[in-house]
Amino acid sequence: MFGFSLAYFLVILDTTALTIALPDLRASLGGSLAGQQWAVNAYTVAFAACLLAGGAVADRYGAARIFKLGVTAFGVISLLSAAAPGLVPLIGLRALLGVAAALCTGGSLGLLAEMFPEPAARARATGLWAAITGTALAAGPLLGGILVDLYGWRAVFLLNPPIALISLLAMRGAASPRGHRLIDWRVQVLACAFLGLVAEALIDAAPVAGLAAAAVLAVLVLAERRSHAPALPGGLLAATWPQLLAGTVANFAFSGALFVLTLLLQETRHLSPMAAGLAFLPLTLPMTVNPLLTGRLVARYGPRPPILAGLALIAAGLTGAALTGPPAPWLVVMGFGLSFVLPALMAGIIGSAPPGTAGTAGGVLNAFRQVGATLGVAVMGVAGRPLLLAAVLTALTCAAYALSTRRSRTPAAT
């Protein structure tokens, strides 16, 4: 379990560590605010678009095999990113890192379901997995700030190869059987194009990209209906839309707030990257410890109570930060909210997946979460009162989730 948890640690670390390095990246390579957003969003867009394929590929070819492929690619591409000569090549490499991250994630979720088939044990293991990976949320800004202060933004990418090597060594004996799931690559390409166009429309306020995104979405829906192997298994969206909405909005709030607060602390308050990283610890530290409690709560009571509590705490933390500034107490509240929501969502989705489809089900949830992250950076980066906007959206999502699940509460794992 340590090996595949460490790989997801790597996936999250890469996002948070680079965010804190954005001002130094701009000073080194130049570019506009939109260029900085794309340095973050090229990764999240590719990650979100390929998560469906990553989960399906893991279910089809074996979770362990795809996991090892993704981790190896992540380490190699990170080395190339550290040597990027300009912003445009870096954005391209970040997109490739997103593809590798999707393979890592799909493989790790498949391995989690294989290693812990009993529901209560899986819920507790998911809590431990989330605690290990949540450490990346705390370590990313701090390590990124230290490295940027000492060596510049390129050093952030040099964190990844040693971690990837340790993960591969820990999982060197892992093996998984091949599955029978088919893959429709047309649908995956269309999904990637749609997400990229949506991000471009939001970041650059490009109406042409918005119209193109709508057209691609229409083709995607038609292709999905006619596909012999749809990316979204029949009935999955109808059955899990409250969980998918909660995951989307939680990541919207977190990624958008991290982006906005990074610029506020470094460009407005003139904090150093290291000081800004330390300022985020109240937000990220709860993700290293509280998922263990969340896993036990899910095992006993099911995912609904932790999800509702977490969304309420996120909304409260964002509201306090929006009205009084970003002092540590409000960031702590938001951090505890995230540490309730995300592990509970993952345990619930994987637990309800049919045998042999855990990678696909987890991929759907993570795809929606990464869409939320992409939209959070794009929308909150240009919105007025962005923290208050995210607070209202999260509160509405909490109410919608409560109403939509009150008659069909997921039973506790036994």
Protein backbone atom coordinates (compact mmCIF):
# COMPACT_ATOMS: atom_id res chain seq x y z
CA MET A 1 0.00 0.00 0.00
CA PHE A 2 2.91 2.36 0.70
CA GLY A 3 4.07 2.15 -2.91
CA PHE A 4 0.84 3.16 -4.65
CA SER A 5 0.01 5.73 -1.97
CA LEU A 6 3.42 7.30 -2.54
CA ALA A 7 2.66 7.56 -6.26
CA TYR A 8 -0.51 9.53 -5.62
CA PHE A 9 1.47 11.64 -3.17
CA LEU A 10 3.68 12.41 -6.17
CA VAL A 11 0.70 13.36 -8.34
CA ILE A 12 -0.64 15.85 -5.76
CA LEU A 13 2.78 17.17 -4.79
CA ASP A 14 3.47 18.24 -8.36
CA THR A 15 0.39 20.47 -8.42
CA THR A 16 0.83 22.20 -5.07
CA ALA A 17 4.60 22.63 -5.31
CA LEU A 18 4.40 24.35 -8.70
CA THR A 19 1.63 26.70 -7.58
CA ILE A 20 3.88 28.26 -4.96
CA ALA A 21 6.62 28.66 -7.62
CA LEU A 22 4.50 30.62 -10.10
CA PRO A 23 5.92 34.12 -9.40
CA ASP A 24 9.49 32.83 -9.81
CA LEU A 25 8.43 30.97 -12.95
CA ARG A 26 7.03 34.17 -14.43
CA ALA A 27 10.18 36.10 -13.55
CA SER A 28 12.34 33.42 -15.18
CA LEU A 29 10.36 32.58 -18.31
CA GLY A 30 8.08 35.60 -18.68
CA GLY A 31 4.49 35.32 -19.82
CA SER A 32 1.13 36.70 -18.69
CA LEU A 33 -1.26 35.70 -15.90
CA ALA A 34 -2.94 33.42 -18.43
CA GLY A 35 0.43 31.77 -19.07
CA GLN A 36 0.79 31.10 -15.35
CA GLN A 37 -2.70 29.64 -15.25
CA TRP A 38 -1.85 27.35 -18.15
CA ALA A 39 1.32 26.20 -16.40
CA VAL A 40 -1.05 24.84 -13.74
CA ASN A 41 -4.02 23.98 -15.95
CA ALA A 42 -2.14 22.10 -18.68
CA TYR A 43 -1.51 19.45 -16.03
CA THR A 44 -5.01 19.43 -14.56
CA VAL A 45 -6.75 19.51 -17.96
CA ALA A 46 -4.76 16.54 -19.29
CA PHE A 47 -5.11 14.76 -15.95
CA ALA A 48 -8.89 15.23 -15.91
CA ALA A 49 -9.34 14.29 -19.55
CA CYS A 50 -7.27 11.10 -19.27
CA LEU A 51 -8.51 9.87 -15.88
CA LEU A 52 -11.42 8.06 -17.51
CA ALA A 53 -9.02 6.37 -19.90
CA GLY A 54 -6.50 5.72 -17.11
CA GLY A 55 -9.07 3.88 -15.04
CA ALA A 56 -10.36 1.90 -18.03
CA VAL A 57 -6.82 0.98 -19.13
CA ALA A 58 -6.00 -0.21 -15.60
CA ASP A 59 -9.14 -2.36 -15.54
CA ARG A 60 -8.32 -3.75 -19.00
CA TYR A 61 -4.57 -4.39 -18.82
CA GLY A 62 -4.00 -4.85 -15.09
CA ALA A 63 -3.74 -2.21 -12.37
CA ALA A 64 -0.16 -3.03 -11.37
CA ARG A 65 1.18 -2.91 -14.93
CA ILE A 66 -0.44 0.46 -15.72
CA PHE A 67 0.60 1.85 -12.36
CA LYS A 68 4.27 1.08 -13.01
CA LEU A 69 4.08 2.55 -16.52
CA GLY A 70 2.57 5.78 -15.21
CA VAL A 71 5.09 6.21 -12.40
CA THR A 72 8.03 5.62 -14.74
CA ALA A 73 6.71 8.17 -17.25
CA PHE A 74 6.09 10.69 -14.47
CA GLY A 75 9.69 10.51 -13.30
CA VAL A 76 11.16 10.86 -16.80
CA ILE A 77 8.90 13.74 -17.87
CA SER A 78 9.66 15.57 -14.62
CA LEU A 79 13.35 15.56 -15.52
CA LEU A 80 12.53 17.03 -18.92
CA SER A 81 10.31 19.68 -17.30
CA ALA A 82 13.18 20.81 -15.08
CA ALA A 83 15.18 21.53 -18.23
CA ALA A 84 12.37 23.30 -20.16
CA PRO A 85 13.83 26.25 -22.12
CA GLY A 86 10.63 28.31 -22.19
CA LEU A 87 7.03 28.60 -21.03
CA VAL A 88 5.47 26.93 -24.08
CA PRO A 89 7.61 23.75 -23.87
CA LEU A 90 6.94 23.63 -20.13
CA ILE A 91 3.18 23.79 -20.70
CA GLY A 92 3.46 20.91 -23.19
CA LEU A 93 5.46 18.82 -20.73
CA ARG A 94 2.98 19.62 -17.98
CA ALA A 95 0.23 18.18 -20.18
CA LEU A 96 2.25 14.97 -20.63
CA LEU A 97 2.72 14.84 -16.86
CA GLY A 98 -1.07 14.96 -16.55
CA VAL A 99 -1.37 11.89 -18.79
CA ALA A 100 1.20 10.03 -16.67
CA ALA A 101 -0.62 11.11 -13.50
CA ALA A 102 -3.87 9.66 -14.85
CA LEU A 103 -2.18 6.29 -15.38
CA CYS A 104 -0.71 6.42 -11.85
CA THR A 105 -4.09 7.23 -10.34
CA GLY A 106 -6.09 4.65 -12.29
CA GLY A 107 -3.58 1.95 -11.38
CA SER A 108 -3.43 2.91 -7.70
CA LEU A 109 -7.22 2.89 -7.31
CA GLY A 110 -7.43 -0.51 -8.99
CA LEU A 111 -4.75 -1.83 -6.62
CA LEU A 112 -6.61 -0.41 -3.62
CA ALA A 113 -9.76 -2.33 -4.57
CA GLU A 114 -7.78 -5.53 -5.26
CA MET A 115 -5.86 -5.46 -1.99
CA PHE A 116 -8.86 -4.58 0.22
CA PRO A 117 -11.96 -6.33 -1.14
CA GLU A 118 -13.88 -6.18 2.18
CA PRO A 119 -15.86 -2.88 2.44
CA ALA A 120 -14.96 -1.81 5.99
CA ALA A 121 -11.28 -2.64 5.51
CA ARG A 122 -11.33 -0.77 2.20
CA ALA A 123 -12.87 2.30 3.87
CA ARG A 124 -10.16 2.34 6.52
CA ALA A 125 -7.45 1.74 3.91
CA THR A 126 -8.84 4.60 1.84
CA GLY A 127 -8.48 6.84 4.89
CA LEU A 128 -4.85 5.81 5.28
CA TRP A 129 -4.26 6.27 1.54
CA ALA A 130 -5.77 9.74 1.73
CA ALA A 131 -3.66 10.61 4.79
CA ILE A 132 -0.44 9.59 3.02
CA THR A 133 -1.35 11.41 -0.14
CA GLY A 134 -2.75 14.37 1.79
CA THR A 135 0.73 14.90 3.16
CA ALA A 136 1.57 16.16 -0.32
CA LEU A 137 -0.86 19.03 0.18
CA ALA A 138 1.11 20.09 3.24
CA ALA A 139 4.54 19.29 1.83
CA GLY A 140 3.98 20.81 -1.62
CA PRO A 141 3.80 24.51 -0.76
CA LEU A 142 6.48 24.21 1.94
CA LEU A 143 8.96 22.15 -0.06
CA GLY A 144 8.21 24.19 -3.16
CA GLY A 145 8.84 27.42 -1.28
CA ILE A 146 12.13 26.19 0.17
CA LEU A 147 13.38 24.92 -3.19
CA VAL A 148 12.32 28.06 -5.06
CA ASP A 149 14.03 30.26 -2.49
CA LEU A 150 17.24 28.24 -2.75
CA TYR A 151 17.43 27.08 -6.37
CA GLY A 152 14.51 28.46 -8.39
CA TRP A 153 11.39 26.88 -9.89
CA ARG A 154 13.25 24.17 -11.82
CA ALA A 155 14.19 22.43 -8.57
CA VAL A 156 10.48 21.73 -7.92
CA PHE A 157 10.45 19.14 -10.72
CA LEU A 158 13.59 17.46 -9.40
CA LEU A 159 11.60 16.32 -6.35
CA ASN A 160 9.66 13.85 -8.49
CA PRO A 161 12.17 11.33 -9.91
CA PRO A 162 13.50 10.07 -6.53
CA ILE A 163 9.95 9.64 -5.21
CA ALA A 164 8.94 7.81 -8.39
CA LEU A 165 11.91 5.46 -8.01
CA ILE A 166 11.03 4.65 -4.38
CA SER A 167 7.43 3.94 -5.38
CA LEU A 168 8.53 1.58 -8.18
CA LEU A 169 10.88 -0.29 -5.85
CA ALA A 170 8.13 -0.69 -3.25
CA MET A 171 5.74 -2.14 -5.89
CA ARG A 172 8.25 -4.18 -7.90
CA GLY A 173 6.58 -7.49 -7.02
CA ALA A 174 2.99 -6.36 -7.59
CA ALA A 175 0.96 -8.06 -10.31
CA SER A 176 -2.67 -7.81 -11.43
CA PRO A 177 -4.74 -9.95 -13.81
CA ARG A 178 -5.92 -8.53 -17.12
CA GLY A 179 -9.57 -7.59 -17.32
CA HIS A 180 -12.17 -7.64 -20.09
CA ARG A 181 -13.13 -3.96 -20.31
CA LEU A 182 -13.03 -2.47 -23.82
CA ILE A 183 -11.86 1.07 -24.54
CA ASP A 184 -13.25 3.53 -27.09
CA TRP A 185 -10.38 5.89 -27.84
CA ARG A 186 -12.57 8.25 -29.88
CA VAL A 187 -14.49 9.18 -26.74
CA GLN A 188 -11.28 9.78 -24.79
CA VAL A 189 -9.87 12.11 -27.46
CA LEU A 190 -13.13 14.05 -27.60
CA ALA A 191 -13.19 14.41 -23.80
CA CYS A 192 -9.66 15.78 -23.80
CA ALA A 193 -10.51 18.28 -26.56
CA PHE A 194 -13.65 19.41 -24.73
CA LEU A 195 -11.85 20.07 -21.44
CA GLY A 196 -9.01 21.91 -23.14
CA LEU A 197 -11.39 24.18 -25.03
CA VAL A 198 -13.40 24.92 -21.89
CA ALA A 199 -10.25 25.91 -20.02
CA GLU A 200 -9.09 28.11 -22.91
CA ALA A 201 -12.49 29.83 -23.07
CA LEU A 202 -12.40 30.61 -19.34
CA ILE A 203 -8.75 31.59 -18.99
CA ASP A 204 -8.50 33.81 -22.09
CA ALA A 205 -12.19 34.82 -22.29
CA ALA A 206 -12.22 33.37 -25.81
CA PRO A 207 -15.80 33.02 -27.17
CA VAL A 208 -14.58 31.04 -30.18
CA ALA A 209 -13.13 28.41 -27.85
CA GLY A 210 -16.41 28.34 -25.93
CA LEU A 211 -18.40 27.70 -29.11
CA ALA A 212 -15.93 25.00 -30.17
CA ALA A 213 -16.26 23.38 -26.74
CA ALA A 214 -20.04 23.25 -27.12
CA ALA A 215 -19.69 21.64 -30.55
CA VAL A 216 -17.22 19.05 -29.29
CA LEU A 217 -19.52 18.29 -26.34
CA ALA A 218 -22.39 17.56 -28.73
CA VAL A 219 -20.21 15.17 -30.72
CA LEU A 220 -18.94 13.60 -27.48
CA VAL A 221 -22.46 12.92 -26.21
CA LEU A 222 -23.43 11.35 -29.55
CA ALA A 223 -20.28 9.23 -29.66
CA GLU A 224 -20.83 8.09 -26.08
CA ARG A 225 -24.36 6.94 -26.83
CA ARG A 226 -23.26 4.94 -29.88
CA SER A 227 -20.05 3.58 -28.35
CA HIS A 228 -19.55 -0.14 -27.84
CA ALA A 229 -17.43 0.76 -24.80
CA PRO A 230 -18.65 4.07 -23.32
CA ALA A 231 -16.28 5.96 -21.04
CA LEU A 232 -19.06 6.34 -18.48
CA PRO A 233 -20.69 2.97 -17.70
CA GLY A 234 -24.45 2.93 -18.05
CA GLY A 235 -26.28 4.49 -15.11
CA LEU A 236 -23.11 5.66 -13.36
CA LEU A 237 -23.82 9.38 -13.72
CA ALA A 238 -27.45 9.03 -12.67
CA ALA A 239 -26.52 7.00 -9.60
CA THR A 240 -23.53 9.04 -8.42
CA TRP A 241 -24.14 12.64 -9.55
CA PRO A 242 -24.37 13.99 -5.96
CA GLN A 243 -20.92 12.56 -5.16
CA LEU A 244 -19.50 13.79 -8.45
CA LEU A 245 -20.90 17.28 -7.84
CA ALA A 246 -19.43 17.34 -4.32
CA GLY A 247 -16.00 16.29 -5.60
CA THR A 248 -16.07 18.86 -8.40
CA VAL A 249 -16.95 21.75 -6.10
CA ALA A 250 -14.51 20.71 -3.35
CA ASN A 251 -11.63 20.77 -5.83
CA PHE A 252 -12.93 24.00 -7.38
CA ALA A 253 -12.74 25.63 -3.95
CA PHE A 254 -9.36 24.21 -2.96
CA SER A 255 -7.42 24.73 -6.19
CA GLY A 256 -8.94 28.14 -6.85
CA ALA A 257 -8.25 29.33 -3.29
CA LEU A 258 -4.67 28.04 -3.44
CA PHE A 259 -4.05 29.92 -6.68
CA VAL A 260 -5.64 33.17 -5.48
CA LEU A 261 -3.97 33.13 -2.06
CA THR A 262 -0.56 32.36 -3.57
CA LEU A 263 -0.74 35.52 -5.69
CA LEU A 264 -2.10 37.52 -2.75
CA LEU A 265 0.64 36.46 -0.35
CA GLN A 266 3.56 36.85 -2.75
CA GLU A 267 2.58 39.69 -5.07
CA THR A 268 0.44 41.83 -2.74
CA ARG A 269 1.90 41.08 0.67
CA HIS A 270 5.38 40.43 -0.74
CA LEU A 271 6.04 37.22 1.19
CA SER A 272 8.89 35.01 0.03
CA PRO A 273 7.98 31.62 -1.50
CA MET A 274 9.10 29.89 1.71
CA ALA A 275 6.99 32.18 3.88
CA ALA A 276 3.98 31.68 1.61
CA GLY A 277 4.45 27.91 1.83
CA LEU A 278 4.47 28.12 5.63
CA ALA A 279 1.33 30.26 5.53
CA PHE A 280 -0.53 27.40 3.82
CA LEU A 281 0.28 24.80 6.49
CA PRO A 282 -2.95 25.47 8.47
CA LEU A 283 -4.87 24.64 5.30
CA THR A 284 -2.94 21.54 4.31
CA LEU A 285 -1.85 19.89 7.57
CA PRO A 286 -5.33 18.53 8.44
CA MET A 287 -5.11 16.46 5.23
CA THR A 288 -2.23 14.48 6.76
CA VAL A 289 -4.05 13.28 9.88
CA ASN A 290 -7.82 13.64 9.67
CA PRO A 291 -8.41 11.16 6.79
CA LEU A 292 -7.63 8.37 9.27
CA LEU A 293 -10.66 9.44 11.31
CA THR A 294 -12.68 9.87 8.12
CA GLY A 295 -11.91 6.29 7.09
CA ARG A 296 -13.22 5.00 10.41
CA LEU A 297 -16.34 7.15 10.17
CA VAL A 298 -17.07 5.87 6.68
CA ALA A 299 -16.53 2.27 7.79
CA ARG A 300 -19.07 2.75 10.59
CA TYR A 301 -21.63 5.24 9.29
CA GLY A 302 -21.14 5.37 5.52
CA PRO A 303 -19.82 8.28 3.44
CA ARG A 304 -22.79 10.66 3.72
CA PRO A 305 -22.15 12.22 7.18
CA PRO A 306 -18.45 13.03 6.55
CA ILE A 307 -19.27 14.51 3.13
CA LEU A 308 -21.96 16.80 4.54
CA ALA A 309 -19.77 17.88 7.46
CA GLY A 310 -16.83 18.49 5.15
CA LEU A 311 -18.76 20.64 2.67
CA ALA A 312 -20.18 22.73 5.52
CA LEU A 313 -16.68 23.29 6.96
CA ILE A 314 -15.24 24.26 3.56
CA ALA A 315 -18.03 26.82 3.08
CA ALA A 316 -17.47 28.22 6.58
CA GLY A 317 -13.70 28.47 6.11
CA LEU A 318 -14.02 30.23 2.76
CA THR A 319 -16.58 32.66 4.15
CA GLY A 320 -14.36 33.57 7.09
CA ALA A 321 -11.31 34.01 4.86
CA ALA A 322 -13.31 36.14 2.39
CA LEU A 323 -14.65 38.47 5.07
CA THR A 324 -11.63 38.79 7.36
CA GLY A 325 -8.65 37.85 5.17
CA PRO A 326 -6.86 34.48 5.18
CA PRO A 327 -5.84 34.05 8.85
CA ALA A 328 -4.80 30.60 10.04
CA PRO A 329 -8.05 29.65 11.88
CA TRP A 330 -10.17 29.87 8.73
CA LEU A 331 -7.63 27.91 6.72
CA VAL A 332 -7.70 25.19 9.40
CA VAL A 333 -11.49 24.98 9.10
CA MET A 334 -11.27 24.64 5.34
CA GLY A 335 -8.51 22.04 5.63
CA PHE A 336 -10.56 19.85 7.96
CA GLY A 337 -13.50 20.13 5.59
CA LEU A 338 -11.44 18.84 2.67
CA SER A 339 -10.07 16.01 4.79
CA PHE A 340 -13.63 14.84 5.51
CA VAL A 341 -14.99 15.17 1.98
CA LEU A 342 -12.33 13.68 -0.29
CA PRO A 343 -11.61 10.31 1.42
CA ALA A 344 -15.33 9.72 2.00
CA LEU A 345 -16.11 10.36 -1.66
CA MET A 346 -13.39 7.98 -2.83
CA ALA A 347 -14.42 5.20 -0.43
CA GLY A 348 -18.06 5.52 -1.46
CA ILE A 349 -17.39 5.48 -5.21
CA ILE A 350 -14.96 2.55 -5.13
CA GLY A 351 -17.15 0.60 -2.74
CA SER A 352 -20.17 0.85 -5.03
CA ALA A 353 -18.31 -0.10 -8.21
CA PRO A 354 -19.02 -3.51 -9.77
CA PRO A 355 -16.15 -6.04 -9.59
CA GLY A 356 -13.37 -5.25 -12.03
CA THR A 357 -14.41 -1.61 -12.55
CA ALA A 358 -12.88 0.11 -9.50
CA GLY A 359 -10.31 1.89 -11.65
CA THR A 360 -13.01 3.23 -13.97
CA ALA A 361 -15.28 4.36 -11.12
CA GLY A 362 -12.42 6.07 -9.33
CA GLY A 363 -11.34 7.61 -12.61
CA VAL A 364 -14.79 9.14 -13.14
CA LEU A 365 -14.72 10.76 -9.70
CA ASN A 366 -11.18 12.04 -10.14
CA ALA A 367 -12.00 13.33 -13.63
CA PHE A 368 -14.82 15.43 -12.21
CA ARG A 369 -12.57 16.58 -9.37
CA GLN A 370 -9.88 17.70 -11.79
CA VAL A 371 -12.47 19.51 -13.90
CA GLY A 372 -13.35 21.35 -10.72
CA ALA A 373 -9.68 22.15 -10.09
CA THR A 374 -9.27 23.50 -13.62
CA LEU A 375 -12.39 25.64 -13.36
CA GLY A 376 -11.37 26.85 -9.91
CA VAL A 377 -8.06 28.26 -11.14
CA ALA A 378 -9.66 29.71 -14.27
CA VAL A 379 -12.74 31.29 -12.65
CA MET A 380 -11.34 32.38 -9.28
CA GLY A 381 -8.25 33.79 -10.99
CA VAL A 382 -10.37 36.48 -12.66
CA ALA A 383 -13.48 36.77 -10.46
CA GLY A 384 -14.22 39.55 -8.01
CA ARG A 385 -14.53 38.28 -4.40
CA PRO A 386 -13.38 34.80 -5.46
CA LEU A 387 -13.33 33.28 -1.96
CA LEU A 388 -16.89 34.39 -1.27
CA LEU A 389 -17.98 33.03 -4.65
CA ALA A 390 -16.49 29.63 -3.78
CA ALA A 391 -18.11 29.74 -0.33
CA VAL A 392 -21.59 30.29 -1.78
CA LEU A 393 -21.10 27.56 -4.38
CA THR A 394 -19.91 25.10 -1.72
CA ALA A 395 -22.85 25.89 0.59
CA LEU A 396 -25.32 25.34 -2.27
CA THR A 397 -23.62 22.04 -3.10
CA CYS A 398 -23.88 20.94 0.53
CA ALA A 399 -27.64 21.62 0.48
CA ALA A 400 -28.08 19.83 -2.86
CA TYR A 401 -26.14 16.80 -1.63
CA ALA A 402 -28.19 16.63 1.58
CA LEU A 403 -31.49 16.77 -0.28
CA SER A 404 -30.53 14.35 -3.04
CA THR A 405 -29.20 11.64 -0.70
CA ARG A 406 -31.65 11.79 2.20
CA ARG A 407 -33.80 8.94 0.84
CA SER A 408 -30.96 6.77 -0.44
CA ARG A 409 -28.30 6.93 2.22
CA THR A 410 -25.34 4.71 1.54
CA PRO A 411 -25.17 2.10 4.32
CA ALA A 412 -22.13 1.85 6.50
CA ALA A 413 -19.54 -0.73 5.61
CA THR A 414 -19.80 -3.85 7.72
